[in-house]
Structure formats: structure tokens, C-alpha cells
Amino acid sequence: MAFKSKSVKRFSVRNFLATILHAFMSSPTVLPGVFTQGDTRTPVGDWHSVLMTSELSSQCDLERMVFCKSTKDVQHEFILLHFRHPVQRHAVAVLVLDRTSRVECTENNGGSFRSVGQASVLSPSVSQVPAHDTIATTFNSPSALESYLTQQYRSYRFLSNLDFPASARPSAMQVSVLLCVLSKHSPTYRLWQYQCYWYAHTVWEALKRLFDGCQETTLINGRSQFLGQDVPKAESVEEVCKQYRVEWALFENVVEERRKRKEEEERWLRMEGRAQRQPEIDEERRKRE
């Protein structure tokens, strides 16, 4: 049984890296928050702000999610997000989405990942502390991604894939709004409600519900489980989807207002420029007459 488990992990890792290898053949244009030249690990709220500064970054499409699980300690769960470049369509960036506690991040700032469940044994107060929801990027190469995942989680498996059709892929901006909704819904890390299992499950199911037509493939069973037993977690998918729709509508209204203001400013500048050139225009007209 142990040999079978090991072979499944090796097979899934190799297939995963082979699938994305072609996307790294040429270096794509840097897009802040998505396509980067080095490792970054950013709180999801800050990631949303970064996307706001780059129209191209915000337009990257999410074409696949991969549900991942550490095989060590309390079998921490996290998600890989595959974003396609909006211009250089051959290029794909794989981002790592994760929920830990701020206690874990503070105590383990310089080393490899230590699960929050393990931290809670040593520090019981971790069962209810501020959550640390982050999204990480790596240099655009398979080896850099594998190195990051190994450093953070040591040993891990890919449990499921969720592929979005080209006609209904969420943009990076839509994903960032959803992640902000989750952080607002549960800003506190609670070991028996709002832990990594809840976070990965809710992100996965919410995006599956909000964007129709996606195809889910189960590679290995075991999501939201520890040693084969279901882990207690809050059921928040319906409420999160409802709140996302509200927040996205508000966001679209803000974007539309900004667009109108920009158009008005450009119109005013054109009028001002014409007014400044009016004497020259009148003189040219008189010469022609």
C-alpha cells in the first residue's frame, strides 16, 4: 500500500510538470502579481491592489485549478491557480493560494512550512487567531515552482483538477474579488471551522458554482480529510457566492465611473488643446481664403 501511494505521487507530479512545461519555453512579459521574475508571497488584499495597477494583469484568465494536499503533519491543503497570459497566449503562470495563521507565519518566517495544526499543538491560541490568506508567485519555470512547493510543503499530492472552458474563465480580478470576500467573511483562523481545509474547499466550490461549464477531475480522494477522517469546517459556499455577486457588481460600478471620468478628462483636454490652437487654426483658414 505504501509503495502504491508513493508511485501515485511521483506519477502525478511528473504529469503536472510535463503538462505545463511548454508554457515556460519563452519568458513572457512581466505582469505584476501574476507573471513575475522571482518569488513573491502576498496577502490576497494586497494582491487585489496590485492587479488594480495593471490592466493586463487583471485580464489574465484562470484556466485551471489544482487541489493539493501535503502528506506531512496535518495534511495541509492548498490550491494552484493556472493563469494564462492575455497577450502571449502560450504562457501560463502557476500561483499558489494558501491559508495559514499569522502565528504560524511569525514563528516560521525563515524556514520551511510548518502546518498550522502542528503549531496549534505547541501554541493552543492558534485555534483562533488572525488568518493569513496569501497568494504566491515564482519565477516562470517548472523547476522554480517545484522548488517552492517542496520548500513550503515538503511532500504533497495533487488531488483534483478543475478546468474552465474558454468561454467562462474567471479573470484574475474576479478571483481577487472572491478572495477578498473570503477574507472578509472569515478574517479569523479557527481550527475547527475556518482553517486551510475550509479555505481550499470554499474557493474551489465557489468558483465552480460561479463559473458554469467547468470540468472537475478527481485524481486521488482525500479532500478535507485528515488520516481518512473528515475535518470539521464551516459551510460557507452559498453565502460567499452571494456576497461575491454583490462585491463584483460594486466593483464594476466603480470601474465604469472611472472610465467615464477618464473619457471626460480626455474630452476636456482635447477641447483645451483646440482652444489653445484656435488662433493658429483661424490664421490658416484666412490664408486659404
C-alpha atoms as a PDB file:
ATOM      1  CA  MET A   1       0.000   0.000   0.000  1.00  0.00           C
ATOM      2  CA  ALA A   2       2.829   2.402   0.842  1.00  0.00           C
ATOM      3  CA  PHE A   3       4.538   1.632  -2.486  1.00  0.00           C
ATOM      4  CA  LYS A   4       1.332   2.346  -4.397  1.00  0.00           C
ATOM      5  CA  SER A   5       0.876   5.697  -2.656  1.00  0.00           C
ATOM      6  CA  LYS A   6       4.446   6.719  -3.462  1.00  0.00           C
ATOM      7  CA  SER A   7       4.109   5.786  -7.134  1.00  0.00           C
ATOM      8  CA  VAL A   8       0.873   7.767  -7.474  1.00  0.00           C
ATOM      9  CA  LYS A   9       2.565  10.877  -6.116  1.00  0.00           C
ATOM     10  CA  ARG A  10       5.538  10.516  -8.444  1.00  0.00           C
ATOM     11  CA  PHE A  11       3.246   9.967 -11.439  1.00  0.00           C
ATOM     12  CA  SER A  12       1.065  12.966 -10.659  1.00  0.00           C
ATOM     13  CA  VAL A  13       3.987  15.319 -10.089  1.00  0.00           C
ATOM     14  CA  ARG A  14       5.694  14.323 -13.325  1.00  0.00           C
ATOM     15  CA  ASN A  15       2.493  14.629 -15.332  1.00  0.00           C
ATOM     16  CA  PHE A  16       1.773  18.011 -13.798  1.00  0.00           C
ATOM     17  CA  LEU A  17       5.221  19.372 -14.670  1.00  0.00           C
ATOM     18  CA  ALA A  18       5.100  17.876 -18.161  1.00  0.00           C
ATOM     19  CA  THR A  19       1.715  19.476 -18.807  1.00  0.00           C
ATOM     20  CA  ILE A  20       2.921  22.991 -18.037  1.00  0.00           C
ATOM     21  CA  LEU A  21       6.464  22.668 -19.432  1.00  0.00           C
ATOM     22  CA  HIS A  22       5.555  24.062 -22.850  1.00  0.00           C
ATOM     23  CA  ALA A  23       4.209  27.223 -21.218  1.00  0.00           C
ATOM     24  CA  PHE A  24       7.673  28.101 -19.904  1.00  0.00           C
ATOM     25  CA  MET A  25       9.591  27.745 -23.166  1.00  0.00           C
ATOM     26  CA  SER A  26       9.940  31.517 -23.626  1.00  0.00           C
ATOM     27  CA  SER A  27       9.848  34.166 -20.942  1.00  0.00           C
ATOM     28  CA  PRO A  28       6.573  36.120 -21.053  1.00  0.00           C
ATOM     29  CA  THR A  29       6.217  39.824 -20.387  1.00  0.00           C
ATOM     30  CA  VAL A  30       6.199  40.585 -16.667  1.00  0.00           C
ATOM     31  CA  LEU A  31       2.703  41.307 -15.359  1.00  0.00           C
ATOM     32  CA  PRO A  32       2.633  42.460 -11.707  1.00  0.00           C
ATOM     33  CA  GLY A  33       1.034  39.942  -9.383  1.00  0.00           C
ATOM     34  CA  VAL A  34       0.834  37.133 -11.939  1.00  0.00           C
ATOM     35  CA  PHE A  35       3.887  36.810 -14.201  1.00  0.00           C
ATOM     36  CA  THR A  36       6.909  37.723 -12.076  1.00  0.00           C
ATOM     37  CA  GLN A  37      10.680  37.330 -12.236  1.00  0.00           C
ATOM     38  CA  GLY A  38      11.045  35.897  -8.738  1.00  0.00           C
ATOM     39  CA  ASP A  39       9.260  34.530  -5.689  1.00  0.00           C
ATOM     40  CA  THR A  40       6.589  36.678  -4.070  1.00  0.00           C
ATOM     41  CA  ARG A  41       4.092  35.880  -1.329  1.00  0.00           C
ATOM     42  CA  THR A  42       1.364  38.483  -0.980  1.00  0.00           C
ATOM     43  CA  PRO A  43      -1.749  38.816   1.219  1.00  0.00           C
ATOM     44  CA  VAL A  44      -4.815  38.493  -1.002  1.00  0.00           C
ATOM     45  CA  GLY A  45      -5.965  42.044  -0.237  1.00  0.00           C
ATOM     46  CA  ASP A  46      -2.619  43.428  -1.388  1.00  0.00           C
ATOM     47  CA  TRP A  47      -2.754  41.178  -4.445  1.00  0.00           C
ATOM     48  CA  HIS A  48      -6.076  42.766  -5.395  1.00  0.00           C
ATOM     49  CA  SER A  49      -4.445  46.209  -5.097  1.00  0.00           C
ATOM     50  CA  VAL A  50      -1.540  45.094  -7.305  1.00  0.00           C
ATOM     51  CA  LEU A  51      -3.949  43.917 -10.013  1.00  0.00           C
ATOM     52  CA  MET A  52      -5.661  47.300  -9.893  1.00  0.00           C
ATOM     53  CA  THR A  53      -2.409  48.895 -11.107  1.00  0.00           C
ATOM     54  CA  SER A  54      -2.120  46.710 -14.225  1.00  0.00           C
ATOM     55  CA  GLU A  55      -4.943  46.224 -16.692  1.00  0.00           C
ATOM     56  CA  LEU A  56      -3.177  43.299 -18.354  1.00  0.00           C
ATOM     57  CA  SER A  57      -2.572  41.556 -15.021  1.00  0.00           C
ATOM     58  CA  SER A  58      -6.249  41.835 -14.149  1.00  0.00           C
ATOM     59  CA  GLN A  59      -7.177  40.301 -17.519  1.00  0.00           C
ATOM     60  CA  CYS A  60      -5.206  37.064 -17.061  1.00  0.00           C
ATOM     61  CA  ASP A  61      -7.665  34.163 -17.325  1.00  0.00           C
ATOM     62  CA  LEU A  62      -7.886  31.335 -14.807  1.00  0.00           C
ATOM     63  CA  GLU A  63      -7.976  28.195 -16.933  1.00  0.00           C
ATOM     64  CA  ARG A  64      -7.257  25.539 -14.297  1.00  0.00           C
ATOM     65  CA  MET A  65      -7.166  24.962 -10.542  1.00  0.00           C
ATOM     66  CA  VAL A  66      -5.354  22.092  -8.869  1.00  0.00           C
ATOM     67  CA  PHE A  67      -6.377  20.970  -5.381  1.00  0.00           C
ATOM     68  CA  CYS A  68      -3.247  19.988  -3.425  1.00  0.00           C
ATOM     69  CA  LYS A  69      -2.572  18.285  -0.119  1.00  0.00           C
ATOM     70  CA  SER A  70       0.571  17.962   1.956  1.00  0.00           C
ATOM     71  CA  THR A  71       1.308  14.401   3.025  1.00  0.00           C
ATOM     72  CA  LYS A  72       3.082  15.518   6.212  1.00  0.00           C
ATOM     73  CA  ASP A  73       1.833  16.555   9.660  1.00  0.00           C
ATOM     74  CA  VAL A  74      -1.884  17.511   9.483  1.00  0.00           C
ATOM     75  CA  GLN A  75      -2.016  17.201   5.687  1.00  0.00           C
ATOM     76  CA  HIS A  76      -2.345  20.895   4.926  1.00  0.00           C
ATOM     77  CA  GLU A  77      -4.405  21.777   1.828  1.00  0.00           C
ATOM     78  CA  PHE A  78      -3.745  24.497  -0.737  1.00  0.00           C
ATOM     79  CA  ILE A  79      -4.614  25.367  -4.342  1.00  0.00           C
ATOM     80  CA  LEU A  80      -2.635  26.045  -7.512  1.00  0.00           C
ATOM     81  CA  LEU A  81      -4.092  28.619  -9.906  1.00  0.00           C
ATOM     82  CA  HIS A  82      -3.113  28.427 -13.593  1.00  0.00           C
ATOM     83  CA  PHE A  83      -3.426  31.856 -15.235  1.00  0.00           C
ATOM     84  CA  ARG A  84      -2.927  32.365 -18.980  1.00  0.00           C
ATOM     85  CA  HIS A  85      -1.204  35.487 -20.278  1.00  0.00           C
ATOM     86  CA  PRO A  86      -3.732  37.775 -22.067  1.00  0.00           C
ATOM     87  CA  VAL A  87      -1.300  38.664 -24.892  1.00  0.00           C
ATOM     88  CA  GLN A  88       1.333  35.918 -25.062  1.00  0.00           C
ATOM     89  CA  ARG A  89      -1.176  33.102 -25.089  1.00  0.00           C
ATOM     90  CA  HIS A  90       1.456  30.359 -24.889  1.00  0.00           C
ATOM     91  CA  ALA A  91       2.427  31.490 -21.384  1.00  0.00           C
ATOM     92  CA  VAL A  92       0.881  30.192 -18.157  1.00  0.00           C
ATOM     93  CA  ALA A  93       1.704  31.315 -14.617  1.00  0.00           C
ATOM     94  CA  VAL A  94       1.013  28.962 -11.706  1.00  0.00           C
ATOM     95  CA  LEU A  95       0.193  30.758  -8.448  1.00  0.00           C
ATOM     96  CA  VAL A  96      -0.085  29.142  -5.011  1.00  0.00           C
ATOM     97  CA  LEU A  97      -3.115  30.035  -2.875  1.00  0.00           C
ATOM     98  CA  ASP A  98      -2.980  29.238   0.822  1.00  0.00           C
ATOM     99  CA  ARG A  99      -4.489  29.953   4.240  1.00  0.00           C
ATOM    100  CA  THR A 100      -2.373  29.747   7.388  1.00  0.00           C
ATOM    101  CA  SER A 101      -2.432  31.615  10.692  1.00  0.00           C
ATOM    102  CA  ARG A 102      -0.370  34.685  11.496  1.00  0.00           C
ATOM    103  CA  VAL A 103       1.089  32.754  14.447  1.00  0.00           C
ATOM    104  CA  GLU A 104       2.460  30.134  12.041  1.00  0.00           C
ATOM    105  CA  CYS A 105       3.851  32.819   9.730  1.00  0.00           C
ATOM    106  CA  THR A 106       5.536  34.676  12.587  1.00  0.00           C
ATOM    107  CA  GLU A 107       7.017  31.597  14.234  1.00  0.00           C
ATOM    108  CA  ASN A 108       8.195  30.093  10.946  1.00  0.00           C
ATOM    109  CA  ASN A 109       9.276  33.126   8.963  1.00  0.00           C
ATOM    110  CA  GLY A 110      12.661  31.782   7.932  1.00  0.00           C
ATOM    111  CA  GLY A 111      12.113  28.067   7.476  1.00  0.00           C
ATOM    112  CA  SER A 112      10.106  25.510   5.605  1.00  0.00           C
ATOM    113  CA  PHE A 113       6.370  25.189   6.072  1.00  0.00           C
ATOM    114  CA  ARG A 114       5.095  24.067   9.445  1.00  0.00           C
ATOM    115  CA  SER A 115       1.416  23.229   9.447  1.00  0.00           C
ATOM    116  CA  VAL A 116      -0.983  25.283  11.494  1.00  0.00           C
ATOM    117  CA  GLY A 117      -2.330  22.132  13.053  1.00  0.00           C
ATOM    118  CA  GLN A 118       1.155  21.309  14.279  1.00  0.00           C
ATOM    119  CA  ALA A 119       1.561  24.876  15.516  1.00  0.00           C
ATOM    120  CA  SER A 120      -1.715  24.599  17.423  1.00  0.00           C
ATOM    121  CA  VAL A 121      -0.355  21.705  19.455  1.00  0.00           C
ATOM    122  CA  LEU A 122       2.582  23.832  20.537  1.00  0.00           C
ATOM    123  CA  SER A 123       0.539  27.013  20.837  1.00  0.00           C
ATOM    124  CA  PRO A 124      -3.164  26.346  21.574  1.00  0.00           C
ATOM    125  CA  SER A 125      -4.071  30.003  20.959  1.00  0.00           C
ATOM    126  CA  VAL A 126      -3.567  29.389  17.232  1.00  0.00           C
ATOM    127  CA  SER A 127      -7.040  27.814  17.163  1.00  0.00           C
ATOM    128  CA  GLN A 128      -8.484  31.358  16.937  1.00  0.00           C
ATOM    129  CA  VAL A 129      -6.066  33.962  15.583  1.00  0.00           C
ATOM    130  CA  PRO A 130      -5.971  36.267  12.534  1.00  0.00           C
ATOM    131  CA  ALA A 131      -5.909  34.305   9.292  1.00  0.00           C
ATOM    132  CA  HIS A 132      -3.123  34.783   6.770  1.00  0.00           C
ATOM    133  CA  ASP A 133      -4.528  34.289   3.262  1.00  0.00           C
ATOM    134  CA  THR A 134      -1.763  34.606   0.675  1.00  0.00           C
ATOM    135  CA  ILE A 135      -1.068  34.113  -2.995  1.00  0.00           C
ATOM    136  CA  ALA A 136       2.457  33.276  -4.119  1.00  0.00           C
ATOM    137  CA  THR A 137       4.272  33.539  -7.437  1.00  0.00           C
ATOM    138  CA  THR A 138       7.555  32.002  -8.545  1.00  0.00           C
ATOM    139  CA  PHE A 139       9.971  32.559 -11.397  1.00  0.00           C
ATOM    140  CA  ASN A 140       8.314  31.311 -14.575  1.00  0.00           C
ATOM    141  CA  SER A 141       9.853  27.824 -14.743  1.00  0.00           C
ATOM    142  CA  PRO A 142       8.718  24.338 -13.655  1.00  0.00           C
ATOM    143  CA  SER A 143      11.822  23.823 -11.516  1.00  0.00           C
ATOM    144  CA  ALA A 144      11.204  27.076  -9.616  1.00  0.00           C
ATOM    145  CA  LEU A 145       7.620  26.055  -8.893  1.00  0.00           C
ATOM    146  CA  GLU A 146       8.597  22.563  -7.753  1.00  0.00           C
ATOM    147  CA  SER A 147      11.344  24.017  -5.557  1.00  0.00           C
ATOM    148  CA  TYR A 148       8.895  26.434  -3.932  1.00  0.00           C
ATOM    149  CA  LEU A 149       6.297  23.739  -3.271  1.00  0.00           C
ATOM    150  CA  THR A 150       8.890  21.370  -1.824  1.00  0.00           C
ATOM    151  CA  GLN A 151      10.311  24.082   0.412  1.00  0.00           C
ATOM    152  CA  GLN A 152       6.893  25.132   1.676  1.00  0.00           C
ATOM    153  CA  TYR A 153       5.104  21.780   1.949  1.00  0.00           C
ATOM    154  CA  ARG A 154       7.878  19.165   1.649  1.00  0.00           C
ATOM    155  CA  SER A 155       5.813  16.243   0.322  1.00  0.00           C
ATOM    156  CA  TYR A 156       2.465  16.819  -1.381  1.00  0.00           C
ATOM    157  CA  ARG A 157      -0.092  15.342  -3.763  1.00  0.00           C
ATOM    158  CA  PHE A 158      -2.440  16.669  -6.439  1.00  0.00           C
ATOM    159  CA  LEU A 159      -5.975  15.529  -5.560  1.00  0.00           C
ATOM    160  CA  SER A 160      -8.210  17.185  -8.171  1.00  0.00           C
ATOM    161  CA  ASN A 161      -8.224  19.377 -11.276  1.00  0.00           C
ATOM    162  CA  LEU A 162     -10.875  21.923 -12.211  1.00  0.00           C
ATOM    163  CA  ASP A 163     -10.704  23.134 -15.826  1.00  0.00           C
ATOM    164  CA  PHE A 164     -12.644  26.187 -17.001  1.00  0.00           C
ATOM    165  CA  PRO A 165     -13.943  26.432 -20.592  1.00  0.00           C
ATOM    166  CA  ALA A 166     -12.551  29.250 -22.743  1.00  0.00           C
ATOM    167  CA  SER A 167     -15.996  30.867 -22.795  1.00  0.00           C
ATOM    168  CA  ALA A 168     -16.332  31.081 -18.999  1.00  0.00           C
ATOM    169  CA  ARG A 169     -12.946  31.614 -17.403  1.00  0.00           C
ATOM    170  CA  PRO A 170     -12.738  33.920 -14.377  1.00  0.00           C
ATOM    171  CA  SER A 171     -10.272  36.770 -14.708  1.00  0.00           C
ATOM    172  CA  ALA A 172      -7.539  37.357 -12.149  1.00  0.00           C
ATOM    173  CA  MET A 173      -9.522  40.383 -10.982  1.00  0.00           C
ATOM    174  CA  GLN A 174     -12.647  38.294 -10.414  1.00  0.00           C
ATOM    175  CA  VAL A 175     -10.613  35.750  -8.466  1.00  0.00           C
ATOM    176  CA  SER A 176      -9.089  38.520  -6.341  1.00  0.00           C
ATOM    177  CA  VAL A 177     -12.529  39.926  -5.505  1.00  0.00           C
ATOM    178  CA  LEU A 178     -13.686  36.454  -4.429  1.00  0.00           C
ATOM    179  CA  LEU A 179     -10.602  36.003  -2.236  1.00  0.00           C
ATOM    180  CA  CYS A 180     -11.228  39.374  -0.592  1.00  0.00           C
ATOM    181  CA  VAL A 181     -14.800  38.248   0.104  1.00  0.00           C
ATOM    182  CA  LEU A 182     -13.492  35.086   1.799  1.00  0.00           C
ATOM    183  CA  SER A 183     -11.065  37.047   3.960  1.00  0.00           C
ATOM    184  CA  LYS A 184     -13.842  39.425   4.961  1.00  0.00           C
ATOM    185  CA  HIS A 185     -16.208  36.517   5.644  1.00  0.00           C
ATOM    186  CA  SER A 186     -13.658  34.864   7.945  1.00  0.00           C
ATOM    187  CA  PRO A 187     -10.770  37.128   8.969  1.00  0.00           C
ATOM    188  CA  THR A 188     -10.057  34.762  11.872  1.00  0.00           C
ATOM    189  CA  TYR A 189      -8.362  31.382  11.641  1.00  0.00           C
ATOM    190  CA  ARG A 190     -10.408  28.888  13.678  1.00  0.00           C
ATOM    191  CA  LEU A 191      -9.045  25.385  13.876  1.00  0.00           C
ATOM    192  CA  TRP A 192     -12.446  23.666  13.751  1.00  0.00           C
ATOM    193  CA  GLN A 193     -14.218  25.993  11.298  1.00  0.00           C
ATOM    194  CA  TYR A 194     -12.130  28.354   9.177  1.00  0.00           C
ATOM    195  CA  GLN A 195      -8.846  26.565   8.601  1.00  0.00           C
ATOM    196  CA  CYS A 196      -6.977  25.612   5.396  1.00  0.00           C
ATOM    197  CA  TYR A 197      -9.485  22.824   4.669  1.00  0.00           C
ATOM    198  CA  TRP A 198     -12.363  25.301   4.731  1.00  0.00           C
ATOM    199  CA  TYR A 199     -10.450  27.815   2.644  1.00  0.00           C
ATOM    200  CA  ALA A 200      -9.423  25.450  -0.154  1.00  0.00           C
ATOM    201  CA  HIS A 201     -12.875  23.827  -0.230  1.00  0.00           C
ATOM    202  CA  THR A 202     -14.730  27.153  -0.334  1.00  0.00           C
ATOM    203  CA  VAL A 203     -12.545  28.704  -3.039  1.00  0.00           C
ATOM    204  CA  TRP A 204     -12.909  25.563  -5.141  1.00  0.00           C
ATOM    205  CA  GLU A 205     -16.658  25.140  -4.777  1.00  0.00           C
ATOM    206  CA  ALA A 206     -17.438  28.857  -5.099  1.00  0.00           C
ATOM    207  CA  LEU A 207     -15.576  29.213  -8.397  1.00  0.00           C
ATOM    208  CA  LYS A 208     -17.162  26.004  -9.646  1.00  0.00           C
ATOM    209  CA  ARG A 209     -20.601  27.413  -8.852  1.00  0.00           C
ATOM    210  CA  LEU A 210     -19.988  30.961 -10.109  1.00  0.00           C
ATOM    211  CA  PHE A 211     -18.497  29.974 -13.486  1.00  0.00           C
ATOM    212  CA  ASP A 212     -20.527  27.345 -15.316  1.00  0.00           C
ATOM    213  CA  GLY A 213     -19.233  24.630 -17.576  1.00  0.00           C
ATOM    214  CA  CYS A 214     -16.038  23.727 -15.733  1.00  0.00           C
ATOM    215  CA  GLN A 215     -14.868  20.113 -15.693  1.00  0.00           C
ATOM    216  CA  GLU A 216     -13.730  18.503 -12.452  1.00  0.00           C
ATOM    217  CA  THR A 217     -11.373  15.524 -12.411  1.00  0.00           C
ATOM    218  CA  THR A 218     -10.606  13.610  -9.212  1.00  0.00           C
ATOM    219  CA  LEU A 219      -7.097  12.147  -9.166  1.00  0.00           C
ATOM    220  CA  ILE A 220      -6.970  10.948  -5.556  1.00  0.00           C
ATOM    221  CA  ASN A 221      -9.659  11.022  -2.864  1.00  0.00           C
ATOM    222  CA  GLY A 222      -8.987  12.732   0.456  1.00  0.00           C
ATOM    223  CA  ARG A 223     -10.042  16.373   0.238  1.00  0.00           C
ATOM    224  CA  SER A 224     -10.931  17.971   3.602  1.00  0.00           C
ATOM    225  CA  GLN A 225      -9.701  14.863   5.409  1.00  0.00           C
ATOM    226  CA  PHE A 226      -7.020  14.056   7.957  1.00  0.00           C
ATOM    227  CA  LEU A 227      -5.907  10.421   8.114  1.00  0.00           C
ATOM    228  CA  GLY A 228      -9.034   9.435   6.206  1.00  0.00           C
ATOM    229  CA  GLN A 229     -11.439  11.250   8.541  1.00  0.00           C
ATOM    230  CA  ASP A 230     -13.495  14.282   7.511  1.00  0.00           C
ATOM    231  CA  VAL A 231     -12.298  17.527   9.097  1.00  0.00           C
ATOM    232  CA  PRO A 232     -14.992  19.797  10.620  1.00  0.00           C
ATOM    233  CA  LYS A 233     -15.334  23.077   8.706  1.00  0.00           C
ATOM    234  CA  ALA A 234     -17.904  25.794   8.194  1.00  0.00           C
ATOM    235  CA  GLU A 235     -20.236  25.548   5.181  1.00  0.00           C
ATOM    236  CA  SER A 236     -19.966  28.968   3.561  1.00  0.00           C
ATOM    237  CA  VAL A 237     -20.095  28.439  -0.208  1.00  0.00           C
ATOM    238  CA  GLU A 238     -23.621  29.775  -0.745  1.00  0.00           C
ATOM    239  CA  GLU A 239     -23.072  32.870   1.394  1.00  0.00           C
ATOM    240  CA  VAL A 240     -19.677  33.576  -0.172  1.00  0.00           C
ATOM    241  CA  CYS A 241     -21.131  33.320  -3.697  1.00  0.00           C
ATOM    242  CA  LYS A 242     -23.945  35.675  -2.742  1.00  0.00           C
ATOM    243  CA  GLN A 243     -21.539  38.224  -1.291  1.00  0.00           C
ATOM    244  CA  TYR A 244     -19.213  37.899  -4.276  1.00  0.00           C
ATOM    245  CA  ARG A 245     -22.002  38.878  -6.666  1.00  0.00           C
ATOM    246  CA  VAL A 246     -22.678  41.986  -4.586  1.00  0.00           C
ATOM    247  CA  GLU A 247     -18.995  42.952  -4.394  1.00  0.00           C
ATOM    248  CA  TRP A 248     -18.383  42.306  -8.084  1.00  0.00           C
ATOM    249  CA  ALA A 249     -21.351  44.494  -9.072  1.00  0.00           C
ATOM    250  CA  LEU A 250     -19.980  47.281  -6.868  1.00  0.00           C
ATOM    251  CA  PHE A 251     -16.539  46.833  -8.400  1.00  0.00           C
ATOM    252  CA  GLU A 252     -17.937  47.050 -11.930  1.00  0.00           C
ATOM    253  CA  ASN A 253     -19.764  50.264 -10.997  1.00  0.00           C
ATOM    254  CA  VAL A 254     -16.520  51.782  -9.714  1.00  0.00           C
ATOM    255  CA  VAL A 255     -14.695  50.768 -12.895  1.00  0.00           C
ATOM    256  CA  GLU A 256     -17.445  52.276 -15.047  1.00  0.00           C
ATOM    257  CA  GLU A 257     -17.311  55.550 -13.118  1.00  0.00           C
ATOM    258  CA  ARG A 258     -13.551  55.682 -13.580  1.00  0.00           C
ATOM    259  CA  ARG A 259     -13.941  55.037 -17.295  1.00  0.00           C
ATOM    260  CA  LYS A 260     -16.441  57.872 -17.639  1.00  0.00           C
ATOM    261  CA  ARG A 261     -14.209  60.259 -15.704  1.00  0.00           C
ATOM    262  CA  LYS A 262     -11.251  59.342 -17.884  1.00  0.00           C
ATOM    263  CA  GLU A 263     -13.250  59.911 -21.062  1.00  0.00           C
ATOM    264  CA  GLU A 264     -14.431  63.285 -19.760  1.00  0.00           C
ATOM    265  CA  GLU A 265     -10.876  64.298 -18.873  1.00  0.00           C
ATOM    266  CA  GLU A 266      -9.659  63.298 -22.335  1.00  0.00           C
ATOM    267  CA  ARG A 267     -12.511  65.227 -23.984  1.00  0.00           C
ATOM    268  CA  TRP A 268     -11.693  68.299 -21.892  1.00  0.00           C
ATOM    269  CA  LEU A 269      -8.013  68.057 -22.793  1.00  0.00           C
ATOM    270  CA  ARG A 270      -8.881  67.835 -26.489  1.00  0.00           C
ATOM    271  CA  MET A 271     -11.121  70.882 -26.184  1.00  0.00           C
ATOM    272  CA  GLU A 272      -8.467  72.787 -24.237  1.00  0.00           C
ATOM    273  CA  GLY A 273      -5.840  71.905 -26.822  1.00  0.00           C
ATOM    274  CA  ARG A 274      -8.109  73.055 -29.639  1.00  0.00           C
ATOM    275  CA  ALA A 275      -8.868  76.306 -27.820  1.00  0.00           C
ATOM    276  CA  GLN A 276      -5.163  76.996 -27.404  1.00  0.00           C
ATOM    277  CA  ARG A 277      -4.601  76.356 -31.100  1.00  0.00           C
ATOM    278  CA  GLN A 278      -7.667  78.287 -32.268  1.00  0.00           C
ATOM    279  CA  PRO A 279      -5.745  81.456 -33.299  1.00  0.00           C
ATOM    280  CA  GLU A 280      -3.412  79.308 -35.385  1.00  0.00           C
ATOM    281  CA  ILE A 281      -6.374  77.493 -36.940  1.00  0.00           C
ATOM    282  CA  ASP A 282      -8.107  80.817 -37.772  1.00  0.00           C
ATOM    283  CA  GLU A 283      -4.937  82.157 -39.356  1.00  0.00           C
ATOM    284  CA  GLU A 284      -4.587  79.058 -41.543  1.00  0.00           C
ATOM    285  CA  ARG A 285      -8.230  79.435 -42.625  1.00  0.00           C
ATOM    286  CA  ARG A 286      -7.735  83.081 -43.586  1.00  0.00           C
ATOM    287  CA  LYS A 287      -4.689  82.172 -45.685  1.00  0.00           C
ATOM    288  CA  ARG A 288      -6.671  79.554 -47.573  1.00  0.00           C
ATOM    289  CA  GLU A 289      -9.468  82.038 -48.244  1.00  0.00           C
END
